[in-house]
């Protein structure tokens, strides 16, 4: 029988990473390494999340997809036989590369996978910013010229951000995360990234990092100018306020604010994910009880009849449902 599931995180060392996932969320990071990503719910080849709680502890998400996919996903569709989403925490203490993910109509031709994603800013240093989309005057020819003279970063639209901001990034939208940001990332299950420019730095091996200029130029939407942060309408009452962040064919994401002592009822027909931003939460169903602290994630299987999310303190979370 399925129940609300938690998983052991999978940590990824990155040249641009840091130690903030330990500072903010108590993650037990490997010592003396810059950790840039924590894969919280993953069904990637070689990186399947291992269940941390309940009778299925020790089995992984790949096992669930192979043995109980219908009960787990409900109305959601698997992606090439795999769990449809990849959920991460990012700690960007340095700027990431200027990059793009291939759009669906080009991905197979380029040998990659499309990747649409959402970033929710959890922590931001003063002056932090995102590089997203192009400045209005930038044509493809101008972009390629500045690629060759090393000034391509000047083509990017830059957006100041702070904690609580959200950006939606459909495949084909050129982008980069600036320094000093911790981000909750909800994305299509893909790991294809084409780097346009990487600030002339070397990787962890001391060698220049690989660029993918031809694939990048073939993937970029050159009509995507100055995209803005997600606004989203808020609904609800003093106990529960919900703000829609994105409703896409791949996933729907909302931001929820719960007052201390309040509760929300879920009746899943499609698998859902809860990502704790602030405060203490209890997630209860017939099959079990999960306590979520900030930086914690819970997968709600579709087959559960009723789930209660209770706020032990004033709390906020991201609610995610696969398309």
C-alpha atoms as a PDB file:
ATOM      1  CA  UNK A   1       0.000   0.000   0.000  1.00  0.00           C
ATOM      2  CA  UNK A   2       1.305   3.437  -0.930  1.00  0.00           C
ATOM      3  CA  UNK A   3       1.490   6.389   1.451  1.00  0.00           C
ATOM      4  CA  UNK A   4       3.062   9.904   1.503  1.00  0.00           C
ATOM      5  CA  UNK A   5       6.682   9.331   0.473  1.00  0.00           C
ATOM      6  CA  UNK A   6       9.933  11.099   1.302  1.00  0.00           C
ATOM      7  CA  UNK A   7      13.313  10.438  -0.299  1.00  0.00           C
ATOM      8  CA  UNK A   8      17.014  10.711   0.442  1.00  0.00           C
ATOM      9  CA  UNK A   9      18.515  13.654  -1.490  1.00  0.00           C
ATOM     10  CA  UNK A  10      21.160  13.088  -4.157  1.00  0.00           C
ATOM     11  CA  UNK A  11      23.882  15.738  -3.893  1.00  0.00           C
ATOM     12  CA  UNK A  12      25.725  17.055  -6.935  1.00  0.00           C
ATOM     13  CA  UNK A  13      29.075  18.827  -6.744  1.00  0.00           C
ATOM     14  CA  UNK A  14      29.217  21.899  -8.992  1.00  0.00           C
ATOM     15  CA  UNK A  15      31.946  24.471  -9.571  1.00  0.00           C
ATOM     16  CA  UNK A  16      29.386  27.217  -8.815  1.00  0.00           C
ATOM     17  CA  UNK A  17      27.923  25.546  -5.688  1.00  0.00           C
ATOM     18  CA  UNK A  18      28.295  26.238  -1.990  1.00  0.00           C
ATOM     19  CA  UNK A  19      27.169  25.095   1.469  1.00  0.00           C
ATOM     20  CA  UNK A  20      23.863  26.929   1.861  1.00  0.00           C
ATOM     21  CA  UNK A  21      21.720  23.805   1.713  1.00  0.00           C
ATOM     22  CA  UNK A  22      23.259  22.821   5.053  1.00  0.00           C
ATOM     23  CA  UNK A  23      22.893  26.320   6.515  1.00  0.00           C
ATOM     24  CA  UNK A  24      19.280  26.829   5.449  1.00  0.00           C
ATOM     25  CA  UNK A  25      17.848  23.314   5.527  1.00  0.00           C
ATOM     26  CA  UNK A  26      20.184  21.166   7.591  1.00  0.00           C
ATOM     27  CA  UNK A  27      21.153  18.974   4.633  1.00  0.00           C
ATOM     28  CA  UNK A  28      23.958  16.556   5.517  1.00  0.00           C
ATOM     29  CA  UNK A  29      26.293  17.583   2.704  1.00  0.00           C
ATOM     30  CA  UNK A  30      29.536  15.799   1.848  1.00  0.00           C
ATOM     31  CA  UNK A  31      32.359  17.699   3.576  1.00  0.00           C
ATOM     32  CA  UNK A  32      34.594  20.238   1.864  1.00  0.00           C
ATOM     33  CA  UNK A  33      32.826  20.174  -1.484  1.00  0.00           C
ATOM     34  CA  UNK A  34      30.826  22.858  -3.329  1.00  0.00           C
ATOM     35  CA  UNK A  35      27.348  21.340  -3.594  1.00  0.00           C
ATOM     36  CA  UNK A  36      25.296  23.075  -6.262  1.00  0.00           C
ATOM     37  CA  UNK A  37      22.340  20.721  -6.595  1.00  0.00           C
ATOM     38  CA  UNK A  38      20.286  18.451  -4.375  1.00  0.00           C
ATOM     39  CA  UNK A  39      18.115  16.141  -6.465  1.00  0.00           C
ATOM     40  CA  UNK A  40      15.151  15.633  -4.172  1.00  0.00           C
ATOM     41  CA  UNK A  41      12.839  13.520  -6.368  1.00  0.00           C
ATOM     42  CA  UNK A  42      14.581  11.926  -9.325  1.00  0.00           C
ATOM     43  CA  UNK A  43      14.064   9.070 -11.753  1.00  0.00           C
ATOM     44  CA  UNK A  44      17.102   9.646 -13.951  1.00  0.00           C
ATOM     45  CA  UNK A  45      19.358   6.831 -15.183  1.00  0.00           C
ATOM     46  CA  UNK A  46      21.833   6.163 -12.374  1.00  0.00           C
ATOM     47  CA  UNK A  47      20.115   8.692 -10.101  1.00  0.00           C
ATOM     48  CA  UNK A  48      16.879   7.170  -8.802  1.00  0.00           C
ATOM     49  CA  UNK A  49      15.734   8.637  -5.480  1.00  0.00           C
ATOM     50  CA  UNK A  50      15.668   6.141  -2.599  1.00  0.00           C
ATOM     51  CA  UNK A  51      12.585   6.109  -0.352  1.00  0.00           C
ATOM     52  CA  UNK A  52      13.422   7.270   3.178  1.00  0.00           C
ATOM     53  CA  UNK A  53      10.242   6.489   5.138  1.00  0.00           C
ATOM     54  CA  UNK A  54       7.749   3.723   5.844  1.00  0.00           C
ATOM     55  CA  UNK A  55       7.522   0.094   4.706  1.00  0.00           C
ATOM     56  CA  UNK A  56       9.031   0.830   1.267  1.00  0.00           C
ATOM     57  CA  UNK A  57      12.168   2.488   2.691  1.00  0.00           C
ATOM     58  CA  UNK A  58      15.218   1.377   0.710  1.00  0.00           C
ATOM     59  CA  UNK A  59      13.353   0.881  -2.566  1.00  0.00           C
ATOM     60  CA  UNK A  60      13.668   3.619  -5.138  1.00  0.00           C
ATOM     61  CA  UNK A  61      11.517   5.658  -7.496  1.00  0.00           C
ATOM     62  CA  UNK A  62      12.554   3.486 -10.455  1.00  0.00           C
ATOM     63  CA  UNK A  63      11.154   0.447  -8.601  1.00  0.00           C
ATOM     64  CA  UNK A  64       7.900   2.318  -7.967  1.00  0.00           C
ATOM     65  CA  UNK A  65       7.576   3.253 -11.633  1.00  0.00           C
ATOM     66  CA  UNK A  66       8.209  -0.345 -12.696  1.00  0.00           C
ATOM     67  CA  UNK A  67       5.830  -1.909 -10.159  1.00  0.00           C
ATOM     68  CA  UNK A  68       3.180   0.624  -9.093  1.00  0.00           C
ATOM     69  CA  UNK A  69       3.161   3.348 -11.748  1.00  0.00           C
ATOM     70  CA  UNK A  70      -0.629   3.553 -12.087  1.00  0.00           C
ATOM     71  CA  UNK A  71      -1.173   3.799  -8.335  1.00  0.00           C
ATOM     72  CA  UNK A  72       1.603   6.379  -8.077  1.00  0.00           C
ATOM     73  CA  UNK A  73       0.815   8.624 -11.058  1.00  0.00           C
ATOM     74  CA  UNK A  74      -2.945   8.356 -11.524  1.00  0.00           C
ATOM     75  CA  UNK A  75      -3.929  10.682 -14.370  1.00  0.00           C
ATOM     76  CA  UNK A  76      -0.363  11.926 -14.862  1.00  0.00           C
ATOM     77  CA  UNK A  77       1.604  10.535 -17.786  1.00  0.00           C
ATOM     78  CA  UNK A  78       5.004   8.908 -17.505  1.00  0.00           C
ATOM     79  CA  UNK A  79       7.761  10.485 -19.602  1.00  0.00           C
ATOM     80  CA  UNK A  80       9.430   7.831 -21.732  1.00  0.00           C
ATOM     81  CA  UNK A  81       8.497   5.294 -19.047  1.00  0.00           C
ATOM     82  CA  UNK A  82       9.946   7.417 -16.243  1.00  0.00           C
ATOM     83  CA  UNK A  83       8.561   9.618 -13.502  1.00  0.00           C
ATOM     84  CA  UNK A  84       7.573  12.827 -15.343  1.00  0.00           C
ATOM     85  CA  UNK A  85       9.252  15.439 -13.122  1.00  0.00           C
ATOM     86  CA  UNK A  86      12.667  16.130 -11.620  1.00  0.00           C
ATOM     87  CA  UNK A  87      12.668  18.176  -8.398  1.00  0.00           C
ATOM     88  CA  UNK A  88      15.815  19.975  -7.197  1.00  0.00           C
ATOM     89  CA  UNK A  89      17.265  22.470  -4.786  1.00  0.00           C
ATOM     90  CA  UNK A  90      19.970  24.706  -6.279  1.00  0.00           C
ATOM     91  CA  UNK A  91      22.675  26.621  -4.424  1.00  0.00           C
ATOM     92  CA  UNK A  92      24.286  29.080  -6.832  1.00  0.00           C
ATOM     93  CA  UNK A  93      27.089  30.878  -5.039  1.00  0.00           C
ATOM     94  CA  UNK A  94      28.647  31.788  -8.389  1.00  0.00           C
ATOM     95  CA  UNK A  95      26.960  32.528 -11.707  1.00  0.00           C
ATOM     96  CA  UNK A  96      25.890  29.535 -13.775  1.00  0.00           C
ATOM     97  CA  UNK A  97      26.706  29.271 -17.450  1.00  0.00           C
ATOM     98  CA  UNK A  98      24.589  31.098 -20.013  1.00  0.00           C
ATOM     99  CA  UNK A  99      22.560  28.186 -21.366  1.00  0.00           C
ATOM    100  CA  UNK A 100      19.442  26.853 -23.037  1.00  0.00           C
ATOM    101  CA  UNK A 101      17.445  23.615 -23.128  1.00  0.00           C
ATOM    102  CA  UNK A 102      16.247  22.369 -26.520  1.00  0.00           C
ATOM    103  CA  UNK A 103      12.562  22.878 -27.410  1.00  0.00           C
ATOM    104  CA  UNK A 104      10.447  19.794 -28.048  1.00  0.00           C
ATOM    105  CA  UNK A 105      10.402  20.247 -31.834  1.00  0.00           C
ATOM    106  CA  UNK A 106      14.226  20.362 -31.990  1.00  0.00           C
ATOM    107  CA  UNK A 107      15.371  18.107 -29.156  1.00  0.00           C
ATOM    108  CA  UNK A 108      15.427  14.760 -30.975  1.00  0.00           C
ATOM    109  CA  UNK A 109      17.209  16.279 -33.972  1.00  0.00           C
ATOM    110  CA  UNK A 110      19.893  17.659 -31.636  1.00  0.00           C
ATOM    111  CA  UNK A 111      20.214  14.412 -29.664  1.00  0.00           C
ATOM    112  CA  UNK A 112      18.806  15.845 -26.443  1.00  0.00           C
ATOM    113  CA  UNK A 113      15.642  16.105 -24.347  1.00  0.00           C
ATOM    114  CA  UNK A 114      13.417  19.178 -23.942  1.00  0.00           C
ATOM    115  CA  UNK A 115      13.345  20.724 -20.491  1.00  0.00           C
ATOM    116  CA  UNK A 116      10.760  23.205 -19.271  1.00  0.00           C
ATOM    117  CA  UNK A 117      11.294  24.376 -15.702  1.00  0.00           C
ATOM    118  CA  UNK A 118      10.231  26.744 -12.959  1.00  0.00           C
ATOM    119  CA  UNK A 119      12.490  28.548 -10.476  1.00  0.00           C
ATOM    120  CA  UNK A 120      11.184  29.711  -7.114  1.00  0.00           C
ATOM    121  CA  UNK A 121      13.648  31.939  -5.265  1.00  0.00           C
ATOM    122  CA  UNK A 122      14.047  30.759  -1.667  1.00  0.00           C
ATOM    123  CA  UNK A 123      17.023  32.896  -0.637  1.00  0.00           C
ATOM    124  CA  UNK A 124      18.685  35.806  -2.393  1.00  0.00           C
ATOM    125  CA  UNK A 125      21.775  37.853  -1.610  1.00  0.00           C
ATOM    126  CA  UNK A 126      21.498  41.628  -2.042  1.00  0.00           C
ATOM    127  CA  UNK A 127      21.750  42.510  -5.717  1.00  0.00           C
ATOM    128  CA  UNK A 128      21.040  38.957  -6.923  1.00  0.00           C
ATOM    129  CA  UNK A 129      19.685  38.639 -10.444  1.00  0.00           C
ATOM    130  CA  UNK A 130      18.646  36.232 -13.175  1.00  0.00           C
ATOM    131  CA  UNK A 131      19.640  36.309 -16.831  1.00  0.00           C
ATOM    132  CA  UNK A 132      16.499  35.351 -18.770  1.00  0.00           C
ATOM    133  CA  UNK A 133      15.565  35.904 -22.402  1.00  0.00           C
ATOM    134  CA  UNK A 134      17.031  38.510 -24.735  1.00  0.00           C
ATOM    135  CA  UNK A 135      17.162  42.288 -24.832  1.00  0.00           C
ATOM    136  CA  UNK A 136      14.730  43.675 -27.436  1.00  0.00           C
ATOM    137  CA  UNK A 137      17.421  44.830 -29.862  1.00  0.00           C
ATOM    138  CA  UNK A 138      19.153  41.435 -30.124  1.00  0.00           C
ATOM    139  CA  UNK A 139      18.827  39.553 -33.398  1.00  0.00           C
ATOM    140  CA  UNK A 140      20.225  36.113 -34.097  1.00  0.00           C
ATOM    141  CA  UNK A 141      23.018  37.676 -36.169  1.00  0.00           C
ATOM    142  CA  UNK A 142      23.896  40.090 -33.334  1.00  0.00           C
ATOM    143  CA  UNK A 143      23.847  37.258 -30.802  1.00  0.00           C
ATOM    144  CA  UNK A 144      26.256  35.192 -32.922  1.00  0.00           C
ATOM    145  CA  UNK A 145      28.549  38.195 -33.438  1.00  0.00           C
ATOM    146  CA  UNK A 146      28.758  38.816 -29.703  1.00  0.00           C
ATOM    147  CA  UNK A 147      29.341  35.121 -29.078  1.00  0.00           C
ATOM    148  CA  UNK A 148      32.506  35.372 -31.139  1.00  0.00           C
ATOM    149  CA  UNK A 149      33.793  38.581 -29.535  1.00  0.00           C
ATOM    150  CA  UNK A 150      33.111  37.356 -25.957  1.00  0.00           C
ATOM    151  CA  UNK A 151      30.408  39.888 -25.067  1.00  0.00           C
ATOM    152  CA  UNK A 152      27.346  37.640 -25.448  1.00  0.00           C
ATOM    153  CA  UNK A 153      26.291  38.210 -21.816  1.00  0.00           C
ATOM    154  CA  UNK A 154      25.333  41.737 -22.894  1.00  0.00           C
ATOM    155  CA  UNK A 155      22.556  40.211 -25.030  1.00  0.00           C
ATOM    156  CA  UNK A 156      20.716  38.828 -22.015  1.00  0.00           C
ATOM    157  CA  UNK A 157      17.807  40.459 -20.210  1.00  0.00           C
ATOM    158  CA  UNK A 158      18.737  40.762 -16.513  1.00  0.00           C
ATOM    159  CA  UNK A 159      16.139  40.742 -13.725  1.00  0.00           C
ATOM    160  CA  UNK A 160      16.780  41.659 -10.057  1.00  0.00           C
ATOM    161  CA  UNK A 161      15.182  39.061  -7.769  1.00  0.00           C
ATOM    162  CA  UNK A 162      14.477  38.495  -4.105  1.00  0.00           C
ATOM    163  CA  UNK A 163      13.101  35.698  -1.945  1.00  0.00           C
ATOM    164  CA  UNK A 164       9.595  34.677  -3.056  1.00  0.00           C
ATOM    165  CA  UNK A 165      10.031  35.564  -6.748  1.00  0.00           C
ATOM    166  CA  UNK A 166       9.275  32.974  -9.434  1.00  0.00           C
ATOM    167  CA  UNK A 167      10.402  32.579 -13.036  1.00  0.00           C
ATOM    168  CA  UNK A 168       8.958  30.181 -15.627  1.00  0.00           C
ATOM    169  CA  UNK A 169      11.346  28.898 -18.293  1.00  0.00           C
ATOM    170  CA  UNK A 170       9.877  27.031 -21.240  1.00  0.00           C
ATOM    171  CA  UNK A 171      12.320  25.060 -23.356  1.00  0.00           C
ATOM    172  CA  UNK A 172      14.130  27.385 -25.755  1.00  0.00           C
ATOM    173  CA  UNK A 173      14.331  30.324 -23.319  1.00  0.00           C
ATOM    174  CA  UNK A 174      17.992  31.249 -22.906  1.00  0.00           C
ATOM    175  CA  UNK A 175      18.940  31.819 -19.268  1.00  0.00           C
ATOM    176  CA  UNK A 176      21.409  31.746 -16.393  1.00  0.00           C
ATOM    177  CA  UNK A 177      21.185  31.938 -12.610  1.00  0.00           C
ATOM    178  CA  UNK A 178      23.184  34.759 -11.069  1.00  0.00           C
ATOM    179  CA  UNK A 179      25.350  34.470  -7.947  1.00  0.00           C
ATOM    180  CA  UNK A 180      23.935  34.351  -4.431  1.00  0.00           C
ATOM    181  CA  UNK A 181      20.692  32.448  -5.019  1.00  0.00           C
ATOM    182  CA  UNK A 182      19.064  29.360  -3.523  1.00  0.00           C
ATOM    183  CA  UNK A 183      16.275  28.048  -5.730  1.00  0.00           C
ATOM    184  CA  UNK A 184      13.541  25.416  -5.677  1.00  0.00           C
ATOM    185  CA  UNK A 185      13.464  23.997  -9.207  1.00  0.00           C
ATOM    186  CA  UNK A 186      10.486  22.111 -10.667  1.00  0.00           C
ATOM    187  CA  UNK A 187      11.275  20.685 -14.073  1.00  0.00           C
ATOM    188  CA  UNK A 188      10.429  18.230 -16.758  1.00  0.00           C
ATOM    189  CA  UNK A 189      12.392  15.000 -16.307  1.00  0.00           C
ATOM    190  CA  UNK A 190      15.371  15.871 -18.504  1.00  0.00           C
ATOM    191  CA  UNK A 191      19.044  16.623 -18.056  1.00  0.00           C
ATOM    192  CA  UNK A 192      19.983  18.212 -21.401  1.00  0.00           C
ATOM    193  CA  UNK A 193      21.711  21.582 -21.104  1.00  0.00           C
ATOM    194  CA  UNK A 194      23.528  23.412 -23.891  1.00  0.00           C
ATOM    195  CA  UNK A 195      26.064  25.971 -22.654  1.00  0.00           C
ATOM    196  CA  UNK A 196      26.431  29.132 -24.693  1.00  0.00           C
ATOM    197  CA  UNK A 197      29.085  30.830 -22.559  1.00  0.00           C
ATOM    198  CA  UNK A 198      30.665  30.019 -19.183  1.00  0.00           C
ATOM    199  CA  UNK A 199      32.524  33.188 -18.184  1.00  0.00           C
ATOM    200  CA  UNK A 200      35.868  31.692 -19.358  1.00  0.00           C
ATOM    201  CA  UNK A 201      36.200  29.605 -16.193  1.00  0.00           C
ATOM    202  CA  UNK A 202      37.489  26.085 -15.724  1.00  0.00           C
ATOM    203  CA  UNK A 203      35.639  23.112 -14.248  1.00  0.00           C
ATOM    204  CA  UNK A 204      36.369  21.026 -11.176  1.00  0.00           C
ATOM    205  CA  UNK A 205      38.975  19.138 -13.227  1.00  0.00           C
ATOM    206  CA  UNK A 206      40.862  22.359 -14.007  1.00  0.00           C
ATOM    207  CA  UNK A 207      39.937  22.225 -17.703  1.00  0.00           C
ATOM    208  CA  UNK A 208      37.743  24.672 -19.649  1.00  0.00           C
ATOM    209  CA  UNK A 209      34.125  23.570 -19.482  1.00  0.00           C
ATOM    210  CA  UNK A 210      32.568  22.236 -22.677  1.00  0.00           C
ATOM    211  CA  UNK A 211      30.410  24.627 -24.692  1.00  0.00           C
ATOM    212  CA  UNK A 212      27.630  23.672 -27.114  1.00  0.00           C
ATOM    213  CA  UNK A 213      27.394  26.735 -29.330  1.00  0.00           C
ATOM    214  CA  UNK A 214      25.834  25.165 -32.429  1.00  0.00           C
ATOM    215  CA  UNK A 215      23.191  23.294 -30.411  1.00  0.00           C
ATOM    216  CA  UNK A 216      22.476  26.397 -28.347  1.00  0.00           C
ATOM    217  CA  UNK A 217      21.918  28.670 -31.329  1.00  0.00           C
ATOM    218  CA  UNK A 218      19.642  26.027 -32.863  1.00  0.00           C
ATOM    219  CA  UNK A 219      17.604  25.860 -29.642  1.00  0.00           C
ATOM    220  CA  UNK A 220      17.226  29.511 -28.604  1.00  0.00           C
ATOM    221  CA  UNK A 221      13.909  31.268 -29.168  1.00  0.00           C
ATOM    222  CA  UNK A 222      15.117  34.494 -30.776  1.00  0.00           C
ATOM    223  CA  UNK A 223      11.673  36.072 -30.364  1.00  0.00           C
ATOM    224  CA  UNK A 224      11.722  35.756 -26.566  1.00  0.00           C
ATOM    225  CA  UNK A 225      12.386  39.287 -25.327  1.00  0.00           C
ATOM    226  CA  UNK A 226      12.441  40.528 -21.712  1.00  0.00           C
ATOM    227  CA  UNK A 227      10.255  37.886 -20.016  1.00  0.00           C
ATOM    228  CA  UNK A 228       8.962  38.946 -16.613  1.00  0.00           C
ATOM    229  CA  UNK A 229       8.634  37.272 -13.255  1.00  0.00           C
ATOM    230  CA  UNK A 230       5.498  35.230 -12.588  1.00  0.00           C
ATOM    231  CA  UNK A 231       2.729  37.300 -11.027  1.00  0.00           C
ATOM    232  CA  UNK A 232      -0.171  34.903 -10.416  1.00  0.00           C
ATOM    233  CA  UNK A 233      -3.551  35.533  -8.826  1.00  0.00           C
ATOM    234  CA  UNK A 234      -4.095  34.822  -5.131  1.00  0.00           C
ATOM    235  CA  UNK A 235      -7.232  33.207  -3.730  1.00  0.00           C
ATOM    236  CA  UNK A 236      -8.367  31.786  -0.393  1.00  0.00           C
ATOM    237  CA  UNK A 237      -8.872  33.100   3.115  1.00  0.00           C
ATOM    238  CA  UNK A 238      -6.928  33.868   6.295  1.00  0.00           C
ATOM    239  CA  UNK A 239      -6.220  30.166   6.892  1.00  0.00           C
ATOM    240  CA  UNK A 240      -5.037  29.220   3.404  1.00  0.00           C
ATOM    241  CA  UNK A 241      -3.973  31.489   0.577  1.00  0.00           C
ATOM    242  CA  UNK A 242      -3.067  29.993  -2.789  1.00  0.00           C
ATOM    243  CA  UNK A 243      -1.205  31.773  -5.594  1.00  0.00           C
ATOM    244  CA  UNK A 244      -1.044  30.142  -9.017  1.00  0.00           C
ATOM    245  CA  UNK A 245       2.510  30.279 -10.359  1.00  0.00           C
ATOM    246  CA  UNK A 246       2.185  28.270 -13.561  1.00  0.00           C
ATOM    247  CA  UNK A 247      -0.328  26.032 -15.279  1.00  0.00           C
ATOM    248  CA  UNK A 248       1.409  24.228 -18.106  1.00  0.00           C
ATOM    249  CA  UNK A 249       0.752  20.954 -19.900  1.00  0.00           C
ATOM    250  CA  UNK A 250       3.773  19.509 -18.065  1.00  0.00           C
ATOM    251  CA  UNK A 251       3.037  20.709 -14.530  1.00  0.00           C
ATOM    252  CA  UNK A 252       0.960  23.050 -12.397  1.00  0.00           C
ATOM    253  CA  UNK A 253       2.602  24.867  -9.477  1.00  0.00           C
ATOM    254  CA  UNK A 254       1.001  26.942  -6.741  1.00  0.00           C
ATOM    255  CA  UNK A 255       2.420  28.763  -3.718  1.00  0.00           C
ATOM    256  CA  UNK A 256       0.444  28.155  -0.513  1.00  0.00           C
ATOM    257  CA  UNK A 257       0.491  30.174   2.710  1.00  0.00           C
ATOM    258  CA  UNK A 258      -1.021  28.416   5.745  1.00  0.00           C
ATOM    259  CA  UNK A 259      -1.820  30.057   9.081  1.00  0.00           C
ATOM    260  CA  UNK A 260      -0.664  28.345  12.263  1.00  0.00           C
ATOM    261  CA  UNK A 261      -3.064  25.520  13.169  1.00  0.00           C
ATOM    262  CA  UNK A 262      -4.808  25.520   9.793  1.00  0.00           C
ATOM    263  CA  UNK A 263      -5.192  22.508   7.509  1.00  0.00           C
ATOM    264  CA  UNK A 264      -5.702  21.816   3.806  1.00  0.00           C
ATOM    265  CA  UNK A 265      -7.348  18.707   2.379  1.00  0.00           C
ATOM    266  CA  UNK A 266      -5.978  17.007  -0.735  1.00  0.00           C
ATOM    267  CA  UNK A 267      -7.924  14.422  -2.720  1.00  0.00           C
ATOM    268  CA  UNK A 268      -5.393  13.172  -5.209  1.00  0.00           C
ATOM    269  CA  UNK A 269      -6.361  11.699  -8.554  1.00  0.00           C
ATOM    270  CA  UNK A 270      -3.025  12.727  -9.971  1.00  0.00           C
ATOM    271  CA  UNK A 271       0.237  12.458  -8.072  1.00  0.00           C
ATOM    272  CA  UNK A 272       1.206  15.631  -6.220  1.00  0.00           C
ATOM    273  CA  UNK A 273       4.369  16.970  -4.611  1.00  0.00           C
ATOM    274  CA  UNK A 274       4.688  19.255  -1.596  1.00  0.00           C
ATOM    275  CA  UNK A 275       7.862  21.307  -1.143  1.00  0.00           C
ATOM    276  CA  UNK A 276       8.236  23.052   2.227  1.00  0.00           C
ATOM    277  CA  UNK A 277       9.499  26.641   2.089  1.00  0.00           C
ATOM    278  CA  UNK A 278       8.943  27.899   5.657  1.00  0.00           C
ATOM    279  CA  UNK A 279       7.468  26.593   8.895  1.00  0.00           C
ATOM    280  CA  UNK A 280       6.556  23.107  10.067  1.00  0.00           C
ATOM    281  CA  UNK A 281       4.052  20.893   8.256  1.00  0.00           C
ATOM    282  CA  UNK A 282       2.462  17.517   8.941  1.00  0.00           C
ATOM    283  CA  UNK A 283       1.194  15.473   6.008  1.00  0.00           C
ATOM    284  CA  UNK A 284      -1.230  12.746   7.099  1.00  0.00           C
ATOM    285  CA  UNK A 285      -3.017   9.961   5.221  1.00  0.00           C
ATOM    286  CA  UNK A 286      -4.319   6.533   6.153  1.00  0.00           C
ATOM    287  CA  UNK A 287      -0.971   5.073   5.198  1.00  0.00           C
ATOM    288  CA  UNK A 288       1.253   7.315   7.261  1.00  0.00           C
ATOM    289  CA  UNK A 289       2.383  10.636   8.670  1.00  0.00           C
ATOM    290  CA  UNK A 290       5.206  12.809   7.320  1.00  0.00           C
ATOM    291  CA  UNK A 291       6.647  15.848   9.067  1.00  0.00           C
ATOM    292  CA  UNK A 292       8.123  18.431   6.725  1.00  0.00           C
ATOM    293  CA  UNK A 293      10.612  21.126   7.704  1.00  0.00           C
ATOM    294  CA  UNK A 294      11.889  23.806   5.297  1.00  0.00           C
ATOM    295  CA  UNK A 295      13.721  22.196   2.394  1.00  0.00           C
ATOM    296  CA  UNK A 296      11.689  18.988   2.779  1.00  0.00           C
ATOM    297  CA  UNK A 297       9.716  17.312  -0.016  1.00  0.00           C
ATOM    298  CA  UNK A 298       6.841  14.826   0.004  1.00  0.00           C
ATOM    299  CA  UNK A 299       5.383  12.840  -2.897  1.00  0.00           C
ATOM    300  CA  UNK A 300       1.639  12.172  -2.612  1.00  0.00           C
ATOM    301  CA  UNK A 301       0.636   9.063  -4.628  1.00  0.00           C
ATOM    302  CA  UNK A 302      -2.516   9.380  -6.715  1.00  0.00           C
ATOM    303  CA  UNK A 303      -4.216   6.370  -5.159  1.00  0.00           C
ATOM    304  CA  UNK A 304      -4.562   7.949  -1.702  1.00  0.00           C
ATOM    305  CA  UNK A 305      -8.197   8.798  -0.947  1.00  0.00           C
ATOM    306  CA  UNK A 306      -7.571  11.790   1.301  1.00  0.00           C
ATOM    307  CA  UNK A 307      -4.523  13.642   2.583  1.00  0.00           C
ATOM    308  CA  UNK A 308      -4.415  16.388   5.206  1.00  0.00           C
ATOM    309  CA  UNK A 309      -1.699  19.032   5.284  1.00  0.00           C
ATOM    310  CA  UNK A 310      -1.573  20.592   8.759  1.00  0.00           C
ATOM    311  CA  UNK A 311       0.452  23.681   9.648  1.00  0.00           C
ATOM    312  CA  UNK A 312       2.074  23.217  13.055  1.00  0.00           C
ATOM    313  CA  UNK A 313       3.319  26.798  12.657  1.00  0.00           C
ATOM    314  CA  UNK A 314       2.702  29.493  10.069  1.00  0.00           C
ATOM    315  CA  UNK A 315       4.040  27.833   6.928  1.00  0.00           C
ATOM    316  CA  UNK A 316       4.452  28.139   3.186  1.00  0.00           C
ATOM    317  CA  UNK A 317       4.942  25.506   0.519  1.00  0.00           C
ATOM    318  CA  UNK A 318       4.936  24.811  -3.181  1.00  0.00           C
ATOM    319  CA  UNK A 319       2.167  22.512  -4.385  1.00  0.00           C
ATOM    320  CA  UNK A 320       3.041  20.691  -7.594  1.00  0.00           C
ATOM    321  CA  UNK A 321       0.882  18.497  -9.814  1.00  0.00           C
ATOM    322  CA  UNK A 322       2.130  16.756 -12.925  1.00  0.00           C
ATOM    323  CA  UNK A 323       0.312  17.411 -16.213  1.00  0.00           C
END
